[in-house]
Amino acid sequence: MRVRTNLIIEESLLAKIDAIAGDKNKRAAVIETALREYIAREESKAPIDLEVETADKKVSSKTK
């Protein structure tokens, strides 16, 4: 389900988004694609971050 939302975006960034969107002015599609790619990258990093955090906790508990 798609939901309407409002975003506050820097004017120069919006101009770049519009340039990518082209004449059809599909700004929302460009932003949605960019967010999906960003979220996928962040989610793929999550397991690594958890492993580092766990290792840090183990070292911290051993030094106490």
Protein backbone atom coordinates (compact mmCIF):
# COMPACT_ATOMS: atom_id res chain seq x y z
CA MET A 1 0.00 0.00 0.00
CA ARG A 2 1.34 3.41 -0.92
CA VAL A 3 0.97 6.30 1.54
CA ARG A 4 1.15 10.00 0.75
CA THR A 5 3.78 11.87 2.75
CA ASN A 6 5.55 15.22 2.80
CA LEU A 7 9.33 15.59 2.86
CA ILE A 8 11.52 18.60 3.37
CA ILE A 9 14.47 18.27 0.98
CA GLU A 10 17.29 20.65 0.16
CA GLU A 11 16.56 22.53 -3.06
CA SER A 12 19.78 21.46 -4.81
CA LEU A 13 19.06 17.80 -4.03
CA LEU A 14 15.53 18.15 -5.35
CA ALA A 15 16.87 19.64 -8.59
CA LYS A 16 19.12 16.58 -9.04
CA ILE A 17 16.19 14.24 -8.37
CA ASP A 18 14.12 16.09 -10.97
CA ALA A 19 16.96 15.83 -13.50
CA ILE A 20 17.10 12.06 -12.97
CA ALA A 21 13.30 11.77 -13.15
CA GLY A 22 13.28 13.51 -16.53
CA ASP A 23 10.40 15.03 -18.43
CA LYS A 24 7.79 12.67 -17.03
CA ASN A 25 8.51 14.20 -13.61
CA LYS A 26 8.32 10.88 -11.72
CA ARG A 27 10.01 12.36 -8.68
CA ALA A 28 8.32 9.95 -6.27
CA ALA A 29 9.55 6.92 -8.23
CA VAL A 30 13.15 8.17 -8.12
CA ILE A 31 12.97 8.82 -4.38
CA GLU A 32 11.31 5.45 -3.72
CA THR A 33 13.99 3.60 -5.73
CA ALA A 34 16.77 5.44 -3.90
CA LEU A 35 15.26 4.64 -0.51
CA ARG A 36 14.81 0.96 -1.37
CA GLU A 37 18.47 0.72 -2.41
CA TYR A 38 19.60 2.56 0.74
CA ILE A 39 17.50 0.34 3.01
CA ALA A 40 18.78 -2.82 1.32
CA ARG A 41 22.38 -1.65 1.87
CA GLU A 42 21.73 -0.81 5.51
CA GLU A 43 19.95 -4.10 6.17
CA SER A 44 22.81 -6.04 4.65
CA LYS A 45 25.18 -4.25 7.05
CA ALA A 46 23.07 -5.01 10.14
CA PRO A 47 24.36 -8.55 10.86
CA ILE A 48 27.95 -7.31 10.70
CA ASP A 49 27.18 -4.47 13.10
CA LEU A 50 25.59 -6.90 15.56
CA GLU A 51 28.67 -9.15 15.47
CA VAL A 52 30.96 -6.19 16.23
CA GLU A 53 28.70 -5.09 19.08
CA THR A 54 28.69 -8.60 20.56
CA ALA A 55 32.49 -8.82 20.32
CA ASP A 56 32.82 -5.41 21.99
CA LYS A 57 30.58 -6.53 24.85
CA LYS A 58 32.66 -9.69 25.36
CA VAL A 59 35.90 -7.69 25.52
CA SER A 60 34.28 -5.17 27.83
CA SER A 61 33.03 -7.85 30.23
CA LYS A 62 36.46 -9.54 30.33
CA THR A 63 38.23 -6.31 31.31
CA LYS A 64 35.98 -5.63 34.30
